[in-house]
């Protein structure tokens, strides 16, 4: 399993920082016609999608490692069968 917890925590901290900045300047931004709530919602949705992407990456990495392990097991079994066929004492 990939350990992206640190990266996700850093991204989440940045999301919180940007949201806090938007909240702090909410009145001035609204006066300029900026929809603060919509922007915050989009930022939160993007963070959720980032987490989903990290989870998909983690699952794909686990699947890859499992496939590598299965291939290694198959190669070891094949090698053992070759060795068994070459061993005159076992034949």
PDB file of N, CA and C in Angstrom:
ATOM      1  N   UNK A   1       0.839  -1.181   0.000  1.00  0.00           N
ATOM      2  CA  UNK A   1       0.000   0.000   0.000  1.00  0.00           C
ATOM      3  C   UNK A   1       0.886   1.246   0.000  1.00  0.00           C
ATOM      4  N   UNK A   2       0.572   2.146  -0.926  1.00  0.00           N
ATOM      5  CA  UNK A   2       1.273   3.430  -0.942  1.00  0.00           C
ATOM      6  C   UNK A   2       0.889   4.216   0.300  1.00  0.00           C
ATOM      7  N   UNK A   3       1.825   4.939   0.846  1.00  0.00           N
ATOM      8  CA  UNK A   3       1.508   5.766   2.003  1.00  0.00           C
ATOM      9  C   UNK A   3       1.462   7.228   1.572  1.00  0.00           C
ATOM     10  N   UNK A   4       0.306   7.641   1.107  1.00  0.00           N
ATOM     11  CA  UNK A   4       0.122   9.011   0.646  1.00  0.00           C
ATOM     12  C   UNK A   4      -0.514   9.889   1.722  1.00  0.00           C
ATOM     13  N   UNK A   5      -0.582   9.379   2.932  1.00  0.00           N
ATOM     14  CA  UNK A   5      -1.232  10.119   3.997  1.00  0.00           C
ATOM     15  C   UNK A   5      -0.596  11.490   4.191  1.00  0.00           C
ATOM     16  N   UNK A   6       0.711  11.559   4.177  1.00  0.00           N
ATOM     17  CA  UNK A   6       1.419  12.841   4.350  1.00  0.00           C
ATOM     18  C   UNK A   6       1.040  13.814   3.239  1.00  0.00           C
ATOM     19  N   UNK A   7       1.047  13.330   1.987  1.00  0.00           N
ATOM     20  CA  UNK A   7       0.691  14.190   0.859  1.00  0.00           C
ATOM     21  C   UNK A   7      -0.748  14.685   0.978  1.00  0.00           C
ATOM     22  N   UNK A   8      -1.652  13.781   1.323  1.00  0.00           N
ATOM     23  CA  UNK A   8      -3.058  14.175   1.462  1.00  0.00           C
ATOM     24  C   UNK A   8      -3.251  15.172   2.598  1.00  0.00           C
ATOM     25  N   UNK A   9      -2.504  14.996   3.682  1.00  0.00           N
ATOM     26  CA  UNK A   9      -2.591  15.947   4.798  1.00  0.00           C
ATOM     27  C   UNK A   9      -2.101  17.329   4.371  1.00  0.00           C
ATOM     28  N   UNK A  10      -1.045  17.362   3.561  1.00  0.00           N
ATOM     29  CA  UNK A  10      -0.532  18.647   3.072  1.00  0.00           C
ATOM     30  C   UNK A  10      -1.548  19.313   2.143  1.00  0.00           C
ATOM     31  N   UNK A  11      -2.160  18.519   1.272  1.00  0.00           N
ATOM     32  CA  UNK A  11      -3.180  19.059   0.375  1.00  0.00           C
ATOM     33  C   UNK A  11      -4.370  19.558   1.178  1.00  0.00           C
ATOM     34  N   UNK A  12      -4.788  18.787   2.167  1.00  0.00           N
ATOM     35  CA  UNK A  12      -5.920  19.198   3.006  1.00  0.00           C
ATOM     36  C   UNK A  12      -5.598  20.488   3.761  1.00  0.00           C
ATOM     37  N   UNK A  13      -4.389  20.621   4.241  1.00  0.00           N
ATOM     38  CA  UNK A  13      -3.994  21.850   4.931  1.00  0.00           C
ATOM     39  C   UNK A  13      -4.072  23.041   3.981  1.00  0.00           C
ATOM     40  N   UNK A  14      -3.646  22.852   2.743  1.00  0.00           N
ATOM     41  CA  UNK A  14      -3.723  23.926   1.757  1.00  0.00           C
ATOM     42  C   UNK A  14      -5.174  24.272   1.435  1.00  0.00           C
ATOM     43  N   UNK A  15      -6.016  23.267   1.336  1.00  0.00           N
ATOM     44  CA  UNK A  15      -7.450  23.498   1.106  1.00  0.00           C
ATOM     45  C   UNK A  15      -8.022  24.327   2.246  1.00  0.00           C
ATOM     46  N   UNK A  16      -7.708  23.947   3.468  1.00  0.00           N
ATOM     47  CA  UNK A  16      -8.198  24.702   4.632  1.00  0.00           C
ATOM     48  C   UNK A  16      -7.685  26.147   4.616  1.00  0.00           C
ATOM     49  N   UNK A  17      -6.421  26.325   4.231  1.00  0.00           N
ATOM     50  CA  UNK A  17      -5.840  27.661   4.176  1.00  0.00           C
ATOM     51  C   UNK A  17      -6.566  28.524   3.159  1.00  0.00           C
ATOM     52  N   UNK A  18      -6.827  27.981   1.984  1.00  0.00           N
ATOM     53  CA  UNK A  18      -7.511  28.735   0.931  1.00  0.00           C
ATOM     54  C   UNK A  18      -8.941  29.051   1.348  1.00  0.00           C
ATOM     55  N   UNK A  19      -9.629  28.095   1.942  1.00  0.00           N
ATOM     56  CA  UNK A  19     -11.004  28.332   2.399  1.00  0.00           C
ATOM     57  C   UNK A  19     -11.028  29.414   3.476  1.00  0.00           C
ATOM     58  N   UNK A  20     -10.070  29.362   4.399  1.00  0.00           N
ATOM     59  CA  UNK A  20      -9.994  30.387   5.446  1.00  0.00           C
ATOM     60  C   UNK A  20      -9.752  31.761   4.833  1.00  0.00           C
ATOM     61  N   UNK A  21      -8.901  31.813   3.816  1.00  0.00           N
ATOM     62  CA  UNK A  21      -8.623  33.075   3.134  1.00  0.00           C
ATOM     63  C   UNK A  21      -9.884  33.594   2.433  1.00  0.00           C
ATOM     64  N   UNK A  22     -10.619  32.690   1.804  1.00  0.00           N
ATOM     65  CA  UNK A  22     -11.874  33.089   1.150  1.00  0.00           C
ATOM     66  C   UNK A  22     -12.880  33.615   2.175  1.00  0.00           C
ATOM     67  N   UNK A  23     -12.988  32.922   3.308  1.00  0.00           N
ATOM     68  CA  UNK A  23     -13.919  33.353   4.361  1.00  0.00           C
ATOM     69  C   UNK A  23     -13.510  34.727   4.924  1.00  0.00           C
ATOM     70  N   UNK A  24     -12.213  34.905   5.112  1.00  0.00           N
ATOM     71  CA  UNK A  24     -11.722  36.169   5.676  1.00  0.00           C
ATOM     72  C   UNK A  24     -12.038  37.348   4.745  1.00  0.00           C
ATOM     73  N   UNK A  25     -11.957  37.096   3.458  1.00  0.00           N
ATOM     74  CA  UNK A  25     -12.179  38.158   2.470  1.00  0.00           C
ATOM     75  C   UNK A  25     -13.539  38.051   1.794  1.00  0.00           C
ATOM     76  N   UNK A  26     -14.453  37.362   2.422  1.00  0.00           N
ATOM     77  CA  UNK A  26     -15.748  37.059   1.812  1.00  0.00           C
ATOM     78  C   UNK A  26     -16.510  38.314   1.378  1.00  0.00           C
ATOM     79  N   UNK A  27     -16.585  39.298   2.241  1.00  0.00           N
ATOM     80  CA  UNK A  27     -17.356  40.503   1.905  1.00  0.00           C
ATOM     81  C   UNK A  27     -16.772  41.237   0.699  1.00  0.00           C
ATOM     82  N   UNK A  28     -15.469  41.404   0.678  1.00  0.00           N
ATOM     83  CA  UNK A  28     -14.831  42.092  -0.443  1.00  0.00           C
ATOM     84  C   UNK A  28     -14.994  41.295  -1.737  1.00  0.00           C
ATOM     85  N   UNK A  29     -14.873  39.983  -1.634  1.00  0.00           N
ATOM     86  CA  UNK A  29     -15.029  39.144  -2.824  1.00  0.00           C
ATOM     87  C   UNK A  29     -16.464  39.193  -3.352  1.00  0.00           C
ATOM     88  N   UNK A  30     -17.431  39.152  -2.435  1.00  0.00           N
ATOM     89  CA  UNK A  30     -18.831  39.236  -2.852  1.00  0.00           C
ATOM     90  C   UNK A  30     -19.132  40.585  -3.497  1.00  0.00           C
ATOM     91  N   UNK A  31     -18.514  41.624  -2.985  1.00  0.00           N
ATOM     92  CA  UNK A  31     -18.719  42.965  -3.562  1.00  0.00           C
ATOM     93  C   UNK A  31     -18.221  43.023  -5.001  1.00  0.00           C
ATOM     94  N   UNK A  32     -17.248  42.182  -5.323  1.00  0.00           N
ATOM     95  CA  UNK A  32     -16.711  42.118  -6.689  1.00  0.00           C
ATOM     96  C   UNK A  32     -17.475  41.116  -7.556  1.00  0.00           C
ATOM     97  N   UNK A  33     -18.494  40.479  -6.969  1.00  0.00           N
ATOM     98  CA  UNK A  33     -19.302  39.521  -7.725  1.00  0.00           C
ATOM     99  C   UNK A  33     -18.800  38.090  -7.671  1.00  0.00           C
ATOM    100  N   UNK A  34     -17.876  37.822  -6.784  1.00  0.00           N
ATOM    101  CA  UNK A  34     -17.302  36.478  -6.653  1.00  0.00           C
ATOM    102  C   UNK A  34     -18.186  35.650  -5.735  1.00  0.00           C
ATOM    103  N   UNK A  35     -18.570  34.461  -6.173  1.00  0.00           N
ATOM    104  CA  UNK A  35     -19.408  33.561  -5.372  1.00  0.00           C
ATOM    105  C   UNK A  35     -18.503  32.703  -4.484  1.00  0.00           C
ATOM    106  N   UNK A  36     -18.359  33.127  -3.245  1.00  0.00           N
ATOM    107  CA  UNK A  36     -17.451  32.464  -2.308  1.00  0.00           C
ATOM    108  C   UNK A  36     -17.912  31.041  -2.005  1.00  0.00           C
ATOM    109  N   UNK A  37     -19.202  30.860  -1.760  1.00  0.00           N
ATOM    110  CA  UNK A  37     -19.714  29.527  -1.413  1.00  0.00           C
ATOM    111  C   UNK A  37     -19.517  28.537  -2.569  1.00  0.00           C
ATOM    112  N   UNK A  38     -19.733  29.006  -3.769  1.00  0.00           N
ATOM    113  CA  UNK A  38     -19.527  28.140  -4.934  1.00  0.00           C
ATOM    114  C   UNK A  38     -18.046  27.765  -5.060  1.00  0.00           C
ATOM    115  N   UNK A  39     -17.171  28.720  -4.865  1.00  0.00           N
ATOM    116  CA  UNK A  39     -15.733  28.450  -4.943  1.00  0.00           C
ATOM    117  C   UNK A  39     -15.306  27.451  -3.876  1.00  0.00           C
ATOM    118  N   UNK A  40     -15.819  27.629  -2.673  1.00  0.00           N
ATOM    119  CA  UNK A  40     -15.481  26.700  -1.583  1.00  0.00           C
ATOM    120  C   UNK A  40     -15.996  25.304  -1.906  1.00  0.00           C
ATOM    121  N   UNK A  41     -17.207  25.229  -2.418  1.00  0.00           N
ATOM    122  CA  UNK A  41     -17.766  23.930  -2.804  1.00  0.00           C
ATOM    123  C   UNK A  41     -16.924  23.243  -3.869  1.00  0.00           C
ATOM    124  N   UNK A  42     -16.464  23.998  -4.857  1.00  0.00           N
ATOM    125  CA  UNK A  42     -15.619  23.428  -5.908  1.00  0.00           C
ATOM    126  C   UNK A  42     -14.286  22.939  -5.349  1.00  0.00           C
ATOM    127  N   UNK A  43     -13.713  23.715  -4.451  1.00  0.00           N
ATOM    128  CA  UNK A  43     -12.440  23.315  -3.835  1.00  0.00           C
ATOM    129  C   UNK A  43     -12.623  22.026  -3.047  1.00  0.00           C
ATOM    130  N   UNK A  44     -13.708  21.944  -2.277  1.00  0.00           N
ATOM    131  CA  UNK A  44     -13.966  20.735  -1.495  1.00  0.00           C
ATOM    132  C   UNK A  44     -14.227  19.536  -2.400  1.00  0.00           C
ATOM    133  N   UNK A  45     -14.970  19.746  -3.489  1.00  0.00           N
ATOM    134  CA  UNK A  45     -15.220  18.658  -4.443  1.00  0.00           C
ATOM    135  C   UNK A  45     -13.917  18.176  -5.076  1.00  0.00           C
ATOM    136  N   UNK A  46     -13.030  19.101  -5.395  1.00  0.00           N
ATOM    137  CA  UNK A  46     -11.742  18.725  -5.981  1.00  0.00           C
ATOM    138  C   UNK A  46     -10.895  17.933  -4.987  1.00  0.00           C
ATOM    139  N   UNK A  47     -10.965  18.299  -3.719  1.00  0.00           N
ATOM    140  CA  UNK A  47     -10.208  17.546  -2.714  1.00  0.00           C
ATOM    141  C   UNK A  47     -10.763  16.128  -2.590  1.00  0.00           C
ATOM    142  N   UNK A  48     -12.091  16.004  -2.585  1.00  0.00           N
ATOM    143  CA  UNK A  48     -12.711  14.666  -2.521  1.00  0.00           C
ATOM    144  C   UNK A  48     -12.264  13.828  -3.722  1.00  0.00           C
ATOM    145  N   UNK A  49     -12.232  14.426  -4.898  1.00  0.00           N
ATOM    146  CA  UNK A  49     -11.793  13.707  -6.098  1.00  0.00           C
ATOM    147  C   UNK A  49     -10.314  13.329  -5.990  1.00  0.00           C
ATOM    148  N   UNK A  50      -9.518  14.181  -5.384  1.00  0.00           N
ATOM    149  CA  UNK A  50      -8.099  13.869  -5.171  1.00  0.00           C
ATOM    150  C   UNK A  50      -7.954  12.650  -4.267  1.00  0.00           C
ATOM    151  N   UNK A  51      -8.743  12.601  -3.205  1.00  0.00           N
ATOM    152  CA  UNK A  51      -8.696  11.448  -2.297  1.00  0.00           C
ATOM    153  C   UNK A  51      -9.112  10.185  -3.050  1.00  0.00           C
ATOM    154  N   UNK A  52     -10.164  10.277  -3.854  1.00  0.00           N
ATOM    155  CA  UNK A  52     -10.598   9.111  -4.640  1.00  0.00           C
ATOM    156  C   UNK A  52      -9.487   8.629  -5.576  1.00  0.00           C
ATOM    157  N   UNK A  53      -8.803   9.571  -6.189  1.00  0.00           N
ATOM    158  CA  UNK A  53      -7.711   9.221  -7.104  1.00  0.00           C
ATOM    159  C   UNK A  53      -6.591   8.520  -6.356  1.00  0.00           C
ATOM    160  N   UNK A  54      -6.242   9.022  -5.184  1.00  0.00           N
ATOM    161  CA  UNK A  54      -5.212   8.374  -4.374  1.00  0.00           C
ATOM    162  C   UNK A  54      -5.634   6.955  -3.992  1.00  0.00           C
ATOM    163  N   UNK A  55      -6.915   6.759  -3.661  1.00  0.00           N
ATOM    164  CA  UNK A  55      -7.398   5.421  -3.304  1.00  0.00           C
ATOM    165  C   UNK A  55      -7.330   4.477  -4.503  1.00  0.00           C
ATOM    166  N   UNK A  56      -7.696   4.975  -5.691  1.00  0.00           N
ATOM    167  CA  UNK A  56      -7.594   4.150  -6.898  1.00  0.00           C
ATOM    168  C   UNK A  56      -6.145   3.779  -7.170  1.00  0.00           C
ATOM    169  N   UNK A  57      -5.256   4.725  -7.008  1.00  0.00           N
ATOM    170  CA  UNK A  57      -3.829   4.472  -7.201  1.00  0.00           C
ATOM    171  C   UNK A  57      -3.345   3.411  -6.220  1.00  0.00           C
ATOM    172  N   UNK A  58      -3.788   3.508  -4.985  1.00  0.00           N
ATOM    173  CA  UNK A  58      -3.390   2.551  -3.961  1.00  0.00           C
ATOM    174  C   UNK A  58      -3.875   1.147  -4.319  1.00  0.00           C
ATOM    175  N   UNK A  59      -5.143   1.046  -4.760  1.00  0.00           N
ATOM    176  CA  UNK A  59      -5.676  -0.266  -5.154  1.00  0.00           C
ATOM    177  C   UNK A  59      -4.927  -0.824  -6.361  1.00  0.00           C
ATOM    178  N   UNK A  60      -4.636   0.021  -7.330  1.00  0.00           N
ATOM    179  CA  UNK A  60      -3.909  -0.425  -8.519  1.00  0.00           C
ATOM    180  C   UNK A  60      -2.504  -0.911  -8.143  1.00  0.00           C
ATOM    181  N   UNK A  61      -1.870  -0.209  -7.223  1.00  0.00           N
ATOM    182  CA  UNK A  61      -0.539  -0.625  -6.773  1.00  0.00           C
ATOM    183  C   UNK A  61      -0.608  -1.966  -6.056  1.00  0.00           C
ATOM    184  N   UNK A  62      -1.602  -2.153  -5.200  1.00  0.00           N
ATOM    185  CA  UNK A  62      -1.778  -3.439  -4.525  1.00  0.00           C
ATOM    186  C   UNK A  62      -2.012  -4.562  -5.536  1.00  0.00           C
ATOM    187  N   UNK A  63      -2.856  -4.301  -6.547  1.00  0.00           N
ATOM    188  CA  UNK A  63      -3.113  -5.307  -7.578  1.00  0.00           C
ATOM    189  C   UNK A  63      -1.831  -5.665  -8.319  1.00  0.00           C
ATOM    190  N   UNK A  64      -1.029  -4.661  -8.623  1.00  0.00           N
ATOM    191  CA  UNK A  64       0.243  -4.892  -9.311  1.00  0.00           C
ATOM    192  C   UNK A  64       1.171  -5.755  -8.455  1.00  0.00           C
ATOM    193  N   UNK A  65       1.286  -5.421  -7.169  1.00  0.00           N
ATOM    194  CA  UNK A  65       2.154  -6.200  -6.287  1.00  0.00           C
ATOM    195  C   UNK A  65       1.668  -7.639  -6.154  1.00  0.00           C
ATOM    196  N   UNK A  66       0.348  -7.823  -6.087  1.00  0.00           N
ATOM    197  CA  UNK A  66      -0.202  -9.177  -6.010  1.00  0.00           C
ATOM    198  C   UNK A  66       0.085  -9.956  -7.290  1.00  0.00           C
ATOM    199  N   UNK A  67      -0.019  -9.295  -8.443  1.00  0.00           N
ATOM    200  CA  UNK A  67       0.289  -9.957  -9.712  1.00  0.00           C
ATOM    201  C   UNK A  67       1.761 -10.346  -9.772  1.00  0.00           C
ATOM    202  N   UNK A  68       2.636  -9.459  -9.287  1.00  0.00           N
ATOM    203  CA  UNK A  68       4.071  -9.779  -9.250  1.00  0.00           C
ATOM    204  C   UNK A  68       4.337 -10.973  -8.343  1.00  0.00           C
ATOM    205  N   UNK A  69       3.678 -11.020  -7.207  1.00  0.00           N
ATOM    206  CA  UNK A  69       3.861 -12.141  -6.281  1.00  0.00           C
ATOM    207  C   UNK A  69       3.352 -13.434  -6.902  1.00  0.00           C
ATOM    208  N   UNK A  70       2.201 -13.376  -7.579  1.00  0.00           N
ATOM    209  CA  UNK A  70       1.661 -14.568  -8.242  1.00  0.00           C
ATOM    210  C   UNK A  70       2.611 -15.054  -9.327  1.00  0.00           C
ATOM    211  N   UNK A  71       3.178 -14.124 -10.093  1.00  0.00           N
ATOM    212  CA  UNK A  71       4.125 -14.494 -11.137  1.00  0.00           C
ATOM    213  C   UNK A  71       5.373 -15.131 -10.518  1.00  0.00           C
ATOM    214  N   UNK A  72       5.846 -14.575  -9.413  1.00  0.00           N
ATOM    215  CA  UNK A  72       7.000 -15.141  -8.728  1.00  0.00           C
ATOM    216  C   UNK A  72       6.717 -16.548  -8.231  1.00  0.00           C
ATOM    217  N   UNK A  73       5.529 -16.756  -7.685  1.00  0.00           N
ATOM    218  CA  UNK A  73       5.140 -18.097  -7.219  1.00  0.00           C
ATOM    219  C   UNK A  73       5.108 -19.082  -8.379  1.00  0.00           C
ATOM    220  N   UNK A  74       4.544 -18.639  -9.506  1.00  0.00           N
ATOM    221  CA  UNK A  74       4.462 -19.516 -10.677  1.00  0.00           C
ATOM    222  C   UNK A  74       5.855 -19.852 -11.203  1.00  0.00           C
ATOM    223  N   UNK A  75       6.739 -18.872 -11.249  1.00  0.00           N
ATOM    224  CA  UNK A  75       8.104 -19.123 -11.711  1.00  0.00           C
ATOM    225  C   UNK A  75       8.839 -20.070 -10.767  1.00  0.00           C
ATOM    226  N   UNK A  76       8.630 -19.913  -9.464  1.00  0.00           N
ATOM    227  CA  UNK A  76       9.282 -20.798  -8.497  1.00  0.00           C
ATOM    228  C   UNK A  76       8.770 -22.224  -8.650  1.00  0.00           C
ATOM    229  N   UNK A  77       7.463 -22.381  -8.838  1.00  0.00           N
ATOM    230  CA  UNK A  77       6.895 -23.722  -9.014  1.00  0.00           C
ATOM    231  C   UNK A  77       7.418 -24.362 -10.302  1.00  0.00           C
ATOM    232  N   UNK A  78       7.527 -23.574 -11.360  1.00  0.00           N
ATOM    233  CA  UNK A  78       8.058 -24.085 -12.631  1.00  0.00           C
ATOM    234  C   UNK A  78       9.512 -24.517 -12.460  1.00  0.00           C
ATOM    235  N   UNK A  79      10.307 -23.688 -11.785  1.00  0.00           N
ATOM    236  CA  UNK A  79      11.710 -24.030 -11.556  1.00  0.00           C
ATOM    237  C   UNK A  79      11.832 -25.313 -10.732  1.00  0.00           C
ATOM    238  N   UNK A  80      10.996 -25.442  -9.708  1.00  0.00           N
ATOM    239  CA  UNK A  80      11.048 -26.648  -8.874  1.00  0.00           C
ATOM    240  C   UNK A  80      10.676 -27.891  -9.682  1.00  0.00           C
ATOM    241  N   UNK A  81       9.705 -27.748 -10.600  1.00  0.00           N
ATOM    242  CA  UNK A  81       9.329 -28.905 -11.423  1.00  0.00           C
ATOM    243  C   UNK A  81      10.462 -29.257 -12.398  1.00  0.00           C
ATOM    244  N   UNK A  82      11.152 -28.237 -12.921  1.00  0.00           N
ATOM    245  CA  UNK A  82      12.308 -28.507 -13.792  1.00  0.00           C
ATOM    246  C   UNK A  82      13.408 -29.220 -13.021  1.00  0.00           C
ATOM    247  N   UNK A  83      13.684 -28.729 -11.803  1.00  0.00           N
ATOM    248  CA  UNK A  83      14.732 -29.359 -10.979  1.00  0.00           C
ATOM    249  C   UNK A  83      14.363 -30.793 -10.634  1.00  0.00           C
ATOM    250  N   UNK A  84      13.107 -31.020 -10.336  1.00  0.00           N
ATOM    251  CA  UNK A  84      12.645 -32.362  -9.993  1.00  0.00           C
ATOM    252  C   UNK A  84      12.812 -33.295 -11.194  1.00  0.00           C
ATOM    253  N   UNK A  85      12.534 -32.791 -12.383  1.00  0.00           N
ATOM    254  CA  UNK A  85      12.699 -33.607 -13.601  1.00  0.00           C
ATOM    255  C   UNK A  85      14.158 -33.873 -13.912  1.00  0.00           C
ATOM    256  N   UNK A  86      15.062 -33.038 -13.480  1.00  0.00           N
ATOM    257  CA  UNK A  86      16.493 -33.201 -13.750  1.00  0.00           C
ATOM    258  C   UNK A  86      17.196 -34.044 -12.696  1.00  0.00           C
ATOM    259  N   UNK A  87      16.568 -34.249 -11.560  1.00  0.00           N
ATOM    260  CA  UNK A  87      17.199 -34.963 -10.439  1.00  0.00           C
ATOM    261  C   UNK A  87      17.070 -36.476 -10.672  1.00  0.00           C
ATOM    262  N   UNK A  88      18.175 -37.193 -10.966  1.00  0.00           N
ATOM    263  CA  UNK A  88      18.090 -38.613 -11.255  1.00  0.00           C
ATOM    264  C   UNK A  88      17.684 -39.443 -10.035  1.00  0.00           C
ATOM    265  N   UNK A  89      17.908 -38.953  -8.851  1.00  0.00           N
ATOM    266  CA  UNK A  89      17.554 -39.707  -7.643  1.00  0.00           C
ATOM    267  C   UNK A  89      16.024 -39.731  -7.468  1.00  0.00           C
ATOM    268  N   UNK A  90      15.368 -38.663  -7.809  1.00  0.00           N
ATOM    269  CA  UNK A  90      13.905 -38.586  -7.633  1.00  0.00           C
ATOM    270  C   UNK A  90      13.180 -39.282  -8.783  1.00  0.00           C
ATOM    271  N   UNK A  91      13.810 -39.553  -9.887  1.00  0.00           N
ATOM    272  CA  UNK A  91      13.116 -40.191 -11.038  1.00  0.00           C
ATOM    273  C   UNK A  91      13.088 -41.666 -10.910  1.00  0.00           C
TER     274      UNK A  91
END
